[in-house]
Every structure is written in structure tokens, then in C-alpha cells.
Amino acid sequence: MGRDKAQLRLPGGESLLERAHRLLVGLPAPAGFEFLPAQISGAGGIADWGESRGPLSGLHAAAQILEEERPECAALLAVPVDMPLLQPAQLQQLCNAALRSGARAACFGRYWLPLWLRLDADSRAYLHEVAVGRGDPSVRALFAACGGEQLPVPGGDWHWNVNRPDEFHRVIERIAEQENRLSK
């Protein structure tokens, strides 16, 4: 993108980071569970431990903080900042399915994010190995190492992400279409 994606502004002025945070803050927890306050990894949030190795560095840093401050925390729900069309319904579906099945990791099809990740010894060990420079730093590899469950992919455009200016423009157009439909 040539700049920090998290600071890109959506119609109405909300940044991608603010949008992702709002999505998590408003998400109701599954029955019998509690969501901790949403945490941000990367710039302006939880700092990566060691040299950054992509999203797994952020997951490792969050897992480390949770182990120290909230050892009873059993799982992470990782939401990418660059999926502005993601809705609470998809996240609720992901969490509920992972909890029902007891999955160690869960995602929709081959969309590796958003990701439900159980914080157990194996997932923590994998994240640590990546953080110290060993192992494949992809979310796909973490998912495979944890024996993750690929859920059916919900319909819609929730999975559109923004890695290039043309993708961001396409998302802006989709948001405008949605707002026009709602205003009629």
C-alpha cells in the first residue's frame, strides 16, 4: 500500500484499525464465555517480541502478555485490520463453531484470518519457535501445526482484504453501495 494500512480511512472517517477494534468491542461473547478487552498488535499496540515475522509475531506477543497477565485465557480471536467488510455474524459463527467442536484452531475454508486459536502448550510452542526465527511464519503453517478445523465459508464479501490501492478502492465502492441500499 505504500503506507500503514491500519490508518487508511473508510467513508465516514473511521480508520481500518478503528473499524477492527469497534468490531471486536461490540462482539457478544458466546454463552458461558467472556471476551477480554480487545488488544491491538503492531504499531500503537502490543509490540512484537524480537524481529517481526508477520501476523504470527503479533499472535506470539499477545499470547505472551495473556500468559503473564491472564493465564486463564484459553484462546485468541485474531482479526486482521485489512478486512473492513468483516461483520460480527462471521466472528460469532467462527467462535461458536470452534467452541462446539473443541477445535485447537479454526478459520473459514482457506481464509486463514480471522482465526480462532486455542492457547495450549503446542500453539504457544509453535508461536515461540517462529518468534525466535525458526519455523514457517505463515498463519497457514500455524493452522496446520495445530490441526486446525476449516469451517464452511460463509457467503458474501466479508473476506475482501486490502493489500493494494485498487483493493482499497473496491472496498470503498462496496461500502458506498451498501450505504446506498440502506438509505433507500
C-alpha atoms as a PDB file:
ATOM      1  CA  MET A   1       0.000   0.000   0.000  1.00  0.00           C
ATOM      2  CA  GLY A   2       2.958   2.314   0.457  1.00  0.00           C
ATOM      3  CA  ARG A   3       1.728   3.369   3.902  1.00  0.00           C
ATOM      4  CA  ASP A   4       0.292   1.934   7.101  1.00  0.00           C
ATOM      5  CA  LYS A   5      -2.921   0.137   6.102  1.00  0.00           C
ATOM      6  CA  ALA A   6      -4.293   0.432   9.615  1.00  0.00           C
ATOM      7  CA  GLN A   7      -4.538   4.213   9.213  1.00  0.00           C
ATOM      8  CA  LEU A   8      -6.437   4.165   5.892  1.00  0.00           C
ATOM      9  CA  ARG A   9      -9.780   5.952   6.271  1.00  0.00           C
ATOM     10  CA  LEU A  10     -13.144   4.479   5.358  1.00  0.00           C
ATOM     11  CA  PRO A  11     -16.161   6.560   4.352  1.00  0.00           C
ATOM     12  CA  GLY A  12     -17.231   8.427   7.477  1.00  0.00           C
ATOM     13  CA  GLY A  13     -13.628   8.893   8.638  1.00  0.00           C
ATOM     14  CA  GLU A  14     -13.083   5.682  10.604  1.00  0.00           C
ATOM     15  CA  SER A  15      -9.638   4.100  10.105  1.00  0.00           C
ATOM     16  CA  LEU A  16      -9.258   0.392   9.333  1.00  0.00           C
ATOM     17  CA  LEU A  17      -7.759  -0.033  12.800  1.00  0.00           C
ATOM     18  CA  GLU A  18     -10.670   1.760  14.467  1.00  0.00           C
ATOM     19  CA  ARG A  19     -13.104  -0.370  12.438  1.00  0.00           C
ATOM     20  CA  ALA A  20     -11.473  -3.640  13.520  1.00  0.00           C
ATOM     21  CA  HIS A  21     -11.386  -2.503  17.147  1.00  0.00           C
ATOM     22  CA  ARG A  22     -15.072  -1.478  17.057  1.00  0.00           C
ATOM     23  CA  LEU A  23     -15.957  -4.851  15.545  1.00  0.00           C
ATOM     24  CA  LEU A  24     -14.326  -6.664  18.456  1.00  0.00           C
ATOM     25  CA  VAL A  25     -15.559  -4.348  21.204  1.00  0.00           C
ATOM     26  CA  GLY A  26     -19.169  -4.846  20.130  1.00  0.00           C
ATOM     27  CA  LEU A  27     -18.936  -8.618  19.704  1.00  0.00           C
ATOM     28  CA  PRO A  28     -21.055 -10.565  22.199  1.00  0.00           C
ATOM     29  CA  ALA A  29     -19.220 -13.451  23.856  1.00  0.00           C
ATOM     30  CA  PRO A  30     -20.531 -16.997  23.334  1.00  0.00           C
ATOM     31  CA  ALA A  31     -22.691 -18.330  26.164  1.00  0.00           C
ATOM     32  CA  GLY A  32     -20.570 -19.214  29.197  1.00  0.00           C
ATOM     33  CA  PHE A  33     -17.523 -17.302  27.954  1.00  0.00           C
ATOM     34  CA  GLU A  34     -16.056 -13.858  28.414  1.00  0.00           C
ATOM     35  CA  PHE A  35     -14.142 -11.745  25.948  1.00  0.00           C
ATOM     36  CA  LEU A  36     -11.245  -9.776  27.376  1.00  0.00           C
ATOM     37  CA  PRO A  37     -10.807  -6.207  26.141  1.00  0.00           C
ATOM     38  CA  ALA A  38      -9.677  -6.123  22.525  1.00  0.00           C
ATOM     39  CA  GLN A  39      -5.922  -5.778  22.096  1.00  0.00           C
ATOM     40  CA  ILE A  40      -4.063  -4.373  19.106  1.00  0.00           C
ATOM     41  CA  SER A  41      -0.755  -5.789  17.942  1.00  0.00           C
ATOM     42  CA  GLY A  42       1.808  -3.860  15.955  1.00  0.00           C
ATOM     43  CA  ALA A  43       2.152  -0.096  15.720  1.00  0.00           C
ATOM     44  CA  GLY A  44       0.411   1.613  18.606  1.00  0.00           C
ATOM     45  CA  GLY A  45      -0.406  -1.650  20.363  1.00  0.00           C
ATOM     46  CA  ILE A  46       1.314  -4.761  21.692  1.00  0.00           C
ATOM     47  CA  ALA A  47       4.868  -4.718  20.371  1.00  0.00           C
ATOM     48  CA  ASP A  48       6.201  -7.774  18.566  1.00  0.00           C
ATOM     49  CA  TRP A  49       8.779  -9.736  20.504  1.00  0.00           C
ATOM     50  CA  GLY A  50      12.017  -9.881  18.534  1.00  0.00           C
ATOM     51  CA  GLU A  51      12.174  -9.367  14.780  1.00  0.00           C
ATOM     52  CA  SER A  52       8.721  -9.130  13.223  1.00  0.00           C
ATOM     53  CA  ARG A  53       7.705 -12.225  11.303  1.00  0.00           C
ATOM     54  CA  GLY A  54       4.272 -11.120  10.164  1.00  0.00           C
ATOM     55  CA  PRO A  55       0.964 -11.907  11.859  1.00  0.00           C
ATOM     56  CA  LEU A  56       2.466 -14.696  13.963  1.00  0.00           C
ATOM     57  CA  SER A  57       4.697 -12.166  15.709  1.00  0.00           C
ATOM     58  CA  GLY A  58       1.572 -10.325  16.810  1.00  0.00           C
ATOM     59  CA  LEU A  59      -0.096 -13.569  17.918  1.00  0.00           C
ATOM     60  CA  HIS A  60       3.026 -14.546  19.860  1.00  0.00           C
ATOM     61  CA  ALA A  61       3.231 -11.167  21.594  1.00  0.00           C
ATOM     62  CA  ALA A  62      -0.458 -11.313  22.543  1.00  0.00           C
ATOM     63  CA  ALA A  63      -0.113 -14.899  23.805  1.00  0.00           C
ATOM     64  CA  GLN A  64       2.895 -13.880  25.926  1.00  0.00           C
ATOM     65  CA  ILE A  65       1.036 -10.978  27.534  1.00  0.00           C
ATOM     66  CA  LEU A  66      -2.002 -13.145  28.195  1.00  0.00           C
ATOM     67  CA  GLU A  67       0.148 -15.861  29.756  1.00  0.00           C
ATOM     68  CA  GLU A  68       1.632 -13.287  32.140  1.00  0.00           C
ATOM     69  CA  GLU A  69      -1.456 -11.195  32.887  1.00  0.00           C
ATOM     70  CA  ARG A  70      -4.415 -13.526  32.273  1.00  0.00           C
ATOM     71  CA  PRO A  71      -3.160 -17.134  32.407  1.00  0.00           C
ATOM     72  CA  GLU A  72      -6.755 -18.402  32.495  1.00  0.00           C
ATOM     73  CA  CYS A  73      -7.333 -17.078  28.955  1.00  0.00           C
ATOM     74  CA  ALA A  74      -7.950 -20.140  26.811  1.00  0.00           C
ATOM     75  CA  ALA A  75      -7.988 -18.783  23.253  1.00  0.00           C
ATOM     76  CA  LEU A  76      -7.305 -15.894  20.896  1.00  0.00           C
ATOM     77  CA  LEU A  77      -9.603 -14.495  18.256  1.00  0.00           C
ATOM     78  CA  ALA A  78      -7.327 -12.843  15.702  1.00  0.00           C
ATOM     79  CA  VAL A  79      -8.966 -10.340  13.370  1.00  0.00           C
ATOM     80  CA  PRO A  80      -6.996  -8.696  10.559  1.00  0.00           C
ATOM     81  CA  VAL A  81      -7.180  -4.950  10.228  1.00  0.00           C
ATOM     82  CA  ASP A  82      -7.349  -5.203   6.447  1.00  0.00           C
ATOM     83  CA  MET A  83     -10.780  -6.906   6.191  1.00  0.00           C
ATOM     84  CA  PRO A  84     -13.145  -3.951   6.622  1.00  0.00           C
ATOM     85  CA  LEU A  85     -16.209  -5.844   5.343  1.00  0.00           C
ATOM     86  CA  LEU A  86     -15.947  -8.484   8.083  1.00  0.00           C
ATOM     87  CA  GLN A  87     -19.078  -8.463  10.257  1.00  0.00           C
ATOM     88  CA  PRO A  88     -19.915  -9.649  13.777  1.00  0.00           C
ATOM     89  CA  ALA A  89     -22.001 -12.503  12.328  1.00  0.00           C
ATOM     90  CA  GLN A  90     -18.929 -14.160  10.812  1.00  0.00           C
ATOM     91  CA  LEU A  91     -16.919 -13.794  14.021  1.00  0.00           C
ATOM     92  CA  GLN A  92     -19.766 -15.189  16.126  1.00  0.00           C
ATOM     93  CA  GLN A  93     -20.086 -18.119  13.728  1.00  0.00           C
ATOM     94  CA  LEU A  94     -16.336 -18.775  13.959  1.00  0.00           C
ATOM     95  CA  CYS A  95     -16.243 -18.650  17.760  1.00  0.00           C
ATOM     96  CA  ASN A  96     -19.360 -20.763  18.224  1.00  0.00           C
ATOM     97  CA  ALA A  97     -18.207 -23.437  15.771  1.00  0.00           C
ATOM     98  CA  ALA A  98     -14.739 -23.641  17.337  1.00  0.00           C
ATOM     99  CA  LEU A  99     -16.196 -23.942  20.829  1.00  0.00           C
ATOM    100  CA  ARG A 100     -18.759 -26.578  19.787  1.00  0.00           C
ATOM    101  CA  SER A 101     -16.158 -28.736  18.077  1.00  0.00           C
ATOM    102  CA  GLY A 102     -13.333 -28.156  20.561  1.00  0.00           C
ATOM    103  CA  ALA A 103     -11.066 -27.098  17.693  1.00  0.00           C
ATOM    104  CA  ARG A 104      -7.498 -26.119  18.524  1.00  0.00           C
ATOM    105  CA  ALA A 105      -7.663 -23.641  15.651  1.00  0.00           C
ATOM    106  CA  ALA A 106     -10.476 -22.673  13.311  1.00  0.00           C
ATOM    107  CA  CYS A 107     -10.924 -20.500  10.244  1.00  0.00           C
ATOM    108  CA  PHE A 108     -13.254 -20.328   7.254  1.00  0.00           C
ATOM    109  CA  GLY A 109     -12.003 -22.522   4.425  1.00  0.00           C
ATOM    110  CA  ARG A 110      -8.598 -21.318   3.283  1.00  0.00           C
ATOM    111  CA  TYR A 111      -9.126 -17.823   4.653  1.00  0.00           C
ATOM    112  CA  TRP A 112      -6.593 -18.147   7.469  1.00  0.00           C
ATOM    113  CA  LEU A 113      -7.864 -14.963   9.114  1.00  0.00           C
ATOM    114  CA  PRO A 114      -9.941 -14.337  11.118  1.00  0.00           C
ATOM    115  CA  LEU A 115      -8.555 -17.129  13.276  1.00  0.00           C
ATOM    116  CA  TRP A 116      -9.693 -18.819  16.461  1.00  0.00           C
ATOM    117  CA  LEU A 117      -6.617 -20.219  18.235  1.00  0.00           C
ATOM    118  CA  ARG A 118      -6.685 -22.211  21.433  1.00  0.00           C
ATOM    119  CA  LEU A 119      -3.792 -21.160  23.649  1.00  0.00           C
ATOM    120  CA  ASP A 120      -2.323 -24.509  24.652  1.00  0.00           C
ATOM    121  CA  ALA A 121       1.249 -25.739  25.023  1.00  0.00           C
ATOM    122  CA  ASP A 122       1.512 -26.722  21.348  1.00  0.00           C
ATOM    123  CA  SER A 123       0.260 -23.443  19.893  1.00  0.00           C
ATOM    124  CA  ARG A 124       2.412 -21.434  22.309  1.00  0.00           C
ATOM    125  CA  ALA A 125       5.485 -23.539  21.410  1.00  0.00           C
ATOM    126  CA  TYR A 126       4.880 -23.039  17.688  1.00  0.00           C
ATOM    127  CA  LEU A 127       4.487 -19.272  18.124  1.00  0.00           C
ATOM    128  CA  HIS A 128       7.688 -19.155  20.189  1.00  0.00           C
ATOM    129  CA  GLU A 129       9.662 -21.079  17.560  1.00  0.00           C
ATOM    130  CA  VAL A 130       8.540 -18.630  14.879  1.00  0.00           C
ATOM    131  CA  ALA A 131       9.318 -15.649  17.133  1.00  0.00           C
ATOM    132  CA  VAL A 132      12.915 -16.814  17.581  1.00  0.00           C
ATOM    133  CA  GLY A 133      13.354 -17.251  13.823  1.00  0.00           C
ATOM    134  CA  ARG A 134      12.625 -20.941  13.364  1.00  0.00           C
ATOM    135  CA  GLY A 135       9.704 -22.419  11.513  1.00  0.00           C
ATOM    136  CA  ASP A 136       7.285 -21.182   8.887  1.00  0.00           C
ATOM    137  CA  PRO A 137       5.874 -17.787   9.933  1.00  0.00           C
ATOM    138  CA  SER A 138       2.631 -18.170   7.963  1.00  0.00           C
ATOM    139  CA  VAL A 139      -0.790 -18.426   9.586  1.00  0.00           C
ATOM    140  CA  ARG A 140      -1.427 -21.402   7.290  1.00  0.00           C
ATOM    141  CA  ALA A 141       1.526 -23.283   8.811  1.00  0.00           C
ATOM    142  CA  LEU A 142       0.410 -22.479  12.377  1.00  0.00           C
ATOM    143  CA  PHE A 143      -3.065 -23.698  11.468  1.00  0.00           C
ATOM    144  CA  ALA A 144      -1.690 -26.963  10.079  1.00  0.00           C
ATOM    145  CA  ALA A 145       0.622 -27.483  13.059  1.00  0.00           C
ATOM    146  CA  CYS A 146      -2.350 -27.105  15.407  1.00  0.00           C
ATOM    147  CA  GLY A 147      -4.553 -29.452  13.404  1.00  0.00           C
ATOM    148  CA  GLY A 148      -6.979 -26.657  12.691  1.00  0.00           C
ATOM    149  CA  GLU A 149     -10.551 -27.055  11.511  1.00  0.00           C
ATOM    150  CA  GLN A 150     -11.578 -25.375   8.267  1.00  0.00           C
ATOM    151  CA  LEU A 151     -15.189 -24.306   8.565  1.00  0.00           C
ATOM    152  CA  PRO A 152     -17.566 -23.814   5.626  1.00  0.00           C
ATOM    153  CA  VAL A 153     -17.034 -20.390   4.073  1.00  0.00           C
ATOM    154  CA  PRO A 154     -19.940 -18.003   4.698  1.00  0.00           C
ATOM    155  CA  GLY A 155     -21.322 -16.244   1.655  1.00  0.00           C
ATOM    156  CA  GLY A 156     -20.730 -12.614   0.899  1.00  0.00           C
ATOM    157  CA  ASP A 157     -17.771 -10.309   0.518  1.00  0.00           C
ATOM    158  CA  TRP A 158     -16.683 -10.280   4.180  1.00  0.00           C
ATOM    159  CA  HIS A 159     -13.290 -11.753   3.202  1.00  0.00           C
ATOM    160  CA  TRP A 160     -12.197  -8.960   0.872  1.00  0.00           C
ATOM    161  CA  ASN A 161      -8.945  -7.544   2.132  1.00  0.00           C
ATOM    162  CA  VAL A 162      -6.917  -4.515   1.209  1.00  0.00           C
ATOM    163  CA  ASN A 163      -3.296  -5.068   0.282  1.00  0.00           C
ATOM    164  CA  ARG A 164      -3.182  -2.754  -2.724  1.00  0.00           C
ATOM    165  CA  PRO A 165      -4.739   0.622  -3.585  1.00  0.00           C
ATOM    166  CA  ASP A 166      -7.097  -0.945  -6.149  1.00  0.00           C
ATOM    167  CA  GLU A 167      -8.406  -3.362  -3.498  1.00  0.00           C
ATOM    168  CA  PHE A 168      -8.997  -0.497  -1.086  1.00  0.00           C
ATOM    169  CA  HIS A 169     -10.882   1.396  -3.809  1.00  0.00           C
ATOM    170  CA  ARG A 170     -13.041  -1.699  -4.474  1.00  0.00           C
ATOM    171  CA  VAL A 171     -13.898  -1.957  -0.761  1.00  0.00           C
ATOM    172  CA  ILE A 172     -14.783   1.758  -0.639  1.00  0.00           C
ATOM    173  CA  GLU A 173     -17.117   1.243  -3.610  1.00  0.00           C
ATOM    174  CA  ARG A 174     -18.760  -1.751  -1.895  1.00  0.00           C
ATOM    175  CA  ILE A 175     -19.299   0.221   1.307  1.00  0.00           C
ATOM    176  CA  ALA A 176     -20.885   3.042  -0.711  1.00  0.00           C
ATOM    177  CA  GLU A 177     -23.197   0.513  -2.438  1.00  0.00           C
ATOM    178  CA  GLN A 178     -24.227  -0.924   0.926  1.00  0.00           C
ATOM    179  CA  GLU A 179     -24.898   2.530   2.365  1.00  0.00           C
ATOM    180  CA  ASN A 180     -26.986   3.468  -0.711  1.00  0.00           C
ATOM    181  CA  ARG A 181     -29.103   0.300  -0.317  1.00  0.00           C
ATOM    182  CA  LEU A 182     -29.671   1.062   3.372  1.00  0.00           C
ATOM    183  CA  SER A 183     -30.691   4.660   2.695  1.00  0.00           C
ATOM    184  CA  LYS A 184     -33.408   3.668   0.162  1.00  0.00           C
END
